[in-house]
């Protein structure tokens, strides 16, 4: 059976606890800032202007795909007649 025996205590153990508390507060602060950034990003992406731009992009993409498909089909038909 193993029994844990703590080693000699250093004088900096209180300092270490203070540093870890500061680091923990920094993590909390960072998470809060990250949440605010994500909230602002979500508001930007769900705004009316962003929705209009996204819809226009999708429609243009479909138009380009249709044109490519049409040109491919026409050129395939011309090639098969020759």
N, C-alpha and C. Protein backbone atom coordinates (compact mmCIF):
# COMPACT_ATOMS: atom_id res chain seq x y z
N UNK A 1 0.84 -1.16 0.00
CA UNK A 1 0.00 0.00 0.00
C UNK A 1 0.89 1.24 0.00
N UNK A 2 0.61 2.16 -0.91
CA UNK A 2 1.39 3.39 -1.00
C UNK A 2 0.71 4.49 -0.20
N UNK A 3 1.51 5.18 0.55
CA UNK A 3 0.99 6.30 1.33
C UNK A 3 1.70 7.55 0.82
N UNK A 4 0.91 8.54 0.49
CA UNK A 4 1.49 9.79 0.00
C UNK A 4 2.04 10.58 1.18
N UNK A 5 3.29 10.91 1.08
CA UNK A 5 3.89 11.77 2.10
C UNK A 5 4.35 13.03 1.41
N UNK A 6 3.82 14.15 1.82
CA UNK A 6 4.20 15.39 1.16
C UNK A 6 5.65 15.73 1.42
N UNK A 7 6.27 16.33 0.41
CA UNK A 7 7.66 16.74 0.53
C UNK A 7 7.76 18.01 1.35
N UNK A 8 8.96 18.51 1.45
CA UNK A 8 9.15 19.73 2.24
C UNK A 8 8.40 20.90 1.59
N UNK A 9 7.75 21.68 2.41
CA UNK A 9 7.01 22.84 1.92
C UNK A 9 7.98 23.97 1.61
N UNK A 10 7.77 24.62 0.50
CA UNK A 10 8.62 25.75 0.16
C UNK A 10 7.96 27.04 0.67
N UNK A 11 8.76 28.07 0.77
CA UNK A 11 8.25 29.34 1.26
C UNK A 11 7.42 30.05 0.20
N UNK A 12 7.52 29.64 -1.04
CA UNK A 12 6.81 30.31 -2.11
C UNK A 12 5.43 29.72 -2.37
N UNK A 13 4.95 28.80 -1.54
CA UNK A 13 3.66 28.18 -1.78
C UNK A 13 2.54 29.22 -1.74
N UNK A 14 2.64 30.21 -0.87
CA UNK A 14 1.62 31.27 -0.82
C UNK A 14 1.70 32.12 -2.09
N UNK A 15 2.91 32.40 -2.55
CA UNK A 15 3.08 33.16 -3.78
C UNK A 15 2.52 32.39 -4.98
N UNK A 16 2.74 31.07 -4.99
CA UNK A 16 2.21 30.25 -6.07
C UNK A 16 0.69 30.31 -6.10
N UNK A 17 0.07 30.27 -4.93
CA UNK A 17 -1.39 30.34 -4.87
C UNK A 17 -1.88 31.68 -5.38
N UNK A 18 -1.18 32.74 -5.06
CA UNK A 18 -1.59 34.07 -5.54
C UNK A 18 -1.47 34.14 -7.06
N UNK A 19 -0.36 33.61 -7.61
CA UNK A 19 -0.17 33.63 -9.05
C UNK A 19 -1.25 32.81 -9.75
N UNK A 20 -1.58 31.65 -9.19
CA UNK A 20 -2.61 30.84 -9.84
C UNK A 20 -3.97 31.53 -9.76
N UNK A 21 -4.23 32.26 -8.68
CA UNK A 21 -5.49 33.01 -8.59
C UNK A 21 -5.53 34.10 -9.64
N UNK A 22 -4.42 34.78 -9.87
CA UNK A 22 -4.37 35.81 -10.89
C UNK A 22 -4.56 35.20 -12.27
N UNK A 23 -3.92 34.06 -12.52
CA UNK A 23 -4.09 33.39 -13.81
C UNK A 23 -5.54 32.97 -14.00
N UNK A 24 -6.17 32.48 -12.94
CA UNK A 24 -7.56 32.06 -13.04
C UNK A 24 -8.45 33.24 -13.36
N UNK A 25 -8.21 34.38 -12.72
CA UNK A 25 -8.99 35.57 -13.03
C UNK A 25 -8.76 35.99 -14.47
N UNK A 26 -7.53 35.85 -14.97
CA UNK A 26 -7.24 36.17 -16.36
C UNK A 26 -8.01 35.28 -17.31
N UNK A 27 -8.15 34.00 -16.96
CA UNK A 27 -8.92 33.07 -17.79
C UNK A 27 -10.38 33.48 -17.80
N UNK A 28 -10.90 33.83 -16.64
CA UNK A 28 -12.30 34.26 -16.56
C UNK A 28 -12.51 35.51 -17.40
N UNK A 29 -11.58 36.45 -17.30
CA UNK A 29 -11.68 37.69 -18.05
C UNK A 29 -11.60 37.40 -19.55
N UNK A 30 -10.74 36.49 -19.94
CA UNK A 30 -10.59 36.14 -21.34
C UNK A 30 -11.86 35.49 -21.87
N UNK A 31 -12.45 34.59 -21.10
CA UNK A 31 -13.69 33.94 -21.53
C UNK A 31 -14.82 34.96 -21.67
N UNK A 32 -14.86 35.94 -20.80
CA UNK A 32 -15.89 36.97 -20.87
C UNK A 32 -15.72 37.79 -22.15
N UNK A 33 -14.47 38.15 -22.45
CA UNK A 33 -14.20 38.93 -23.67
C UNK A 33 -14.53 38.09 -24.89
N UNK A 34 -14.22 36.81 -24.86
CA UNK A 34 -14.52 35.93 -25.98
C UNK A 34 -16.03 35.85 -26.21
N UNK A 35 -16.78 35.77 -25.12
CA UNK A 35 -18.23 35.73 -25.23
C UNK A 35 -18.78 37.00 -25.84
N UNK A 36 -18.23 38.13 -25.45
CA UNK A 36 -18.70 39.40 -26.03
C UNK A 36 -18.37 39.48 -27.52
N UNK A 37 -17.17 39.02 -27.90
CA UNK A 37 -16.80 39.03 -29.32
C UNK A 37 -17.73 38.13 -30.12
N UNK A 38 -18.04 36.94 -29.59
CA UNK A 38 -18.93 36.03 -30.29
C UNK A 38 -20.33 36.60 -30.40
N UNK A 39 -20.78 37.30 -29.38
CA UNK A 39 -22.11 37.92 -29.42
C UNK A 39 -22.16 39.01 -30.50
N UNK A 40 -21.11 39.83 -30.56
CA UNK A 40 -21.06 40.88 -31.60
C UNK A 40 -20.99 40.26 -32.99
N UNK A 41 -20.21 39.19 -33.13
CA UNK A 41 -20.10 38.51 -34.42
C UNK A 41 -21.44 37.93 -34.83
N UNK A 42 -22.15 37.33 -33.89
CA UNK A 42 -23.47 36.76 -34.18
C UNK A 42 -24.44 37.86 -34.61
N UNK A 43 -24.39 39.01 -33.94
CA UNK A 43 -25.26 40.13 -34.33
C UNK A 43 -24.93 40.61 -35.73
N UNK A 44 -23.64 40.66 -36.07
CA UNK A 44 -23.26 41.10 -37.41
C UNK A 44 -23.73 40.12 -38.48
N UNK A 45 -23.56 38.83 -38.22
CA UNK A 45 -23.89 37.83 -39.22
C UNK A 45 -25.39 37.63 -39.38
N UNK A 46 -26.17 37.98 -38.38
CA UNK A 46 -27.62 37.82 -38.49
C UNK A 46 -28.34 39.12 -38.78
N UNK A 47 -27.60 40.18 -39.09
CA UNK A 47 -28.23 41.45 -39.41
C UNK A 47 -28.90 41.38 -40.79
N UNK A 48 -29.77 42.32 -41.04
CA UNK A 48 -30.51 42.33 -42.31
C UNK A 48 -29.56 42.48 -43.50
N UNK A 49 -28.58 43.35 -43.39
CA UNK A 49 -27.64 43.56 -44.50
C UNK A 49 -26.82 42.30 -44.78
N UNK A 50 -26.39 41.61 -43.75
CA UNK A 50 -25.63 40.38 -43.95
C UNK A 50 -26.48 39.32 -44.61
N UNK A 51 -27.76 39.24 -44.23
CA UNK A 51 -28.67 38.27 -44.83
C UNK A 51 -28.89 38.58 -46.31
N UNK A 52 -29.04 39.85 -46.64
CA UNK A 52 -29.22 40.25 -48.04
C UNK A 52 -27.97 39.91 -48.85
N UNK A 53 -26.80 40.20 -48.30
CA UNK A 53 -25.55 39.90 -49.00
C UNK A 53 -25.36 38.39 -49.20
N UNK A 54 -25.71 37.62 -48.19
CA UNK A 54 -25.56 36.17 -48.29
C UNK A 54 -26.53 35.60 -49.33
N UNK A 55 -27.74 36.11 -49.37
CA UNK A 55 -28.72 35.65 -50.35
C UNK A 55 -28.25 35.99 -51.77
N UNK A 56 -27.73 37.19 -51.94
CA UNK A 56 -27.22 37.59 -53.26
C UNK A 56 -26.05 36.70 -53.67
N UNK A 57 -25.16 36.39 -52.74
CA UNK A 57 -24.03 35.50 -53.02
C UNK A 57 -24.51 34.12 -53.46
N UNK A 58 -25.50 33.57 -52.76
CA UNK A 58 -26.02 32.25 -53.10
C UNK A 58 -26.65 32.27 -54.49
N UNK A 59 -27.42 33.30 -54.79
CA UNK A 59 -28.06 33.39 -56.11
C UNK A 59 -27.02 33.52 -57.22
N UNK A 60 -26.01 34.32 -57.00
CA UNK A 60 -24.95 34.45 -58.01
C UNK A 60 -24.20 33.13 -58.19
N UNK A 61 -23.99 32.42 -57.11
CA UNK A 61 -23.30 31.13 -57.20
C UNK A 61 -24.13 30.15 -58.02
N UNK A 62 -25.44 30.09 -57.76
CA UNK A 62 -26.32 29.21 -58.55
C UNK A 62 -26.33 29.62 -60.02
N UNK A 63 -26.32 30.90 -60.30
CA UNK A 63 -26.31 31.38 -61.68
C UNK A 63 -25.02 30.94 -62.38
N UNK A 64 -23.90 31.09 -61.73
CA UNK A 64 -22.63 30.70 -62.32
C UNK A 64 -22.59 29.19 -62.56
N UNK A 65 -23.09 28.41 -61.60
CA UNK A 65 -23.13 26.95 -61.78
C UNK A 65 -24.02 26.58 -62.96
N UNK A 66 -25.16 27.25 -63.11
CA UNK A 66 -26.04 26.98 -64.24
C UNK A 66 -25.36 27.32 -65.56
N UNK A 67 -24.67 28.45 -65.62
CA UNK A 67 -23.96 28.84 -66.85
C UNK A 67 -22.88 27.82 -67.19
N UNK A 68 -22.12 27.39 -66.21
CA UNK A 68 -21.07 26.39 -66.45
C UNK A 68 -21.69 25.10 -66.96
N UNK A 69 -22.79 24.67 -66.35
CA UNK A 69 -23.45 23.44 -66.78
C UNK A 69 -23.99 23.57 -68.20
N UNK A 70 -24.57 24.74 -68.51
CA UNK A 70 -25.11 24.95 -69.85
C UNK A 70 -23.99 24.94 -70.90
N UNK A 71 -22.90 25.64 -70.64
CA UNK A 71 -21.78 25.69 -71.59
C UNK A 71 -21.20 24.28 -71.76
N UNK A 72 -21.06 23.55 -70.67
CA UNK A 72 -20.53 22.20 -70.75
C UNK A 72 -21.44 21.31 -71.61
N UNK A 73 -22.75 21.41 -71.38
CA UNK A 73 -23.70 20.59 -72.13
C UNK A 73 -23.68 20.96 -73.62
N UNK A 74 -23.67 22.25 -73.92
CA UNK A 74 -23.64 22.70 -75.32
C UNK A 74 -22.36 22.24 -76.01
N UNK A 75 -21.22 22.43 -75.36
CA UNK A 75 -19.96 22.01 -75.98
C UNK A 75 -19.87 20.51 -76.12
N UNK A 76 -20.45 19.75 -75.20
CA UNK A 76 -20.46 18.30 -75.33
C UNK A 76 -21.32 17.90 -76.53
N UNK A 77 -22.46 18.59 -76.73
CA UNK A 77 -23.33 18.30 -77.87
C UNK A 77 -22.65 18.64 -79.20
N UNK A 78 -21.95 19.78 -79.25
CA UNK A 78 -21.24 20.17 -80.48
C UNK A 78 -20.13 19.19 -80.76
N UNK A 79 -19.43 18.76 -79.76
CA UNK A 79 -18.33 17.82 -79.95
C UNK A 79 -18.83 16.47 -80.46
N UNK A 80 -19.99 16.02 -79.99
CA UNK A 80 -20.50 14.73 -80.41
C UNK A 80 -21.03 14.77 -81.86
N UNK A 81 -21.42 15.95 -82.38
CA UNK A 81 -21.88 16.06 -83.77
C UNK A 81 -20.72 16.09 -84.75
N UNK A 82 -19.58 16.48 -84.30
CA UNK A 82 -18.43 16.62 -85.21
C UNK A 82 -17.69 15.35 -85.37
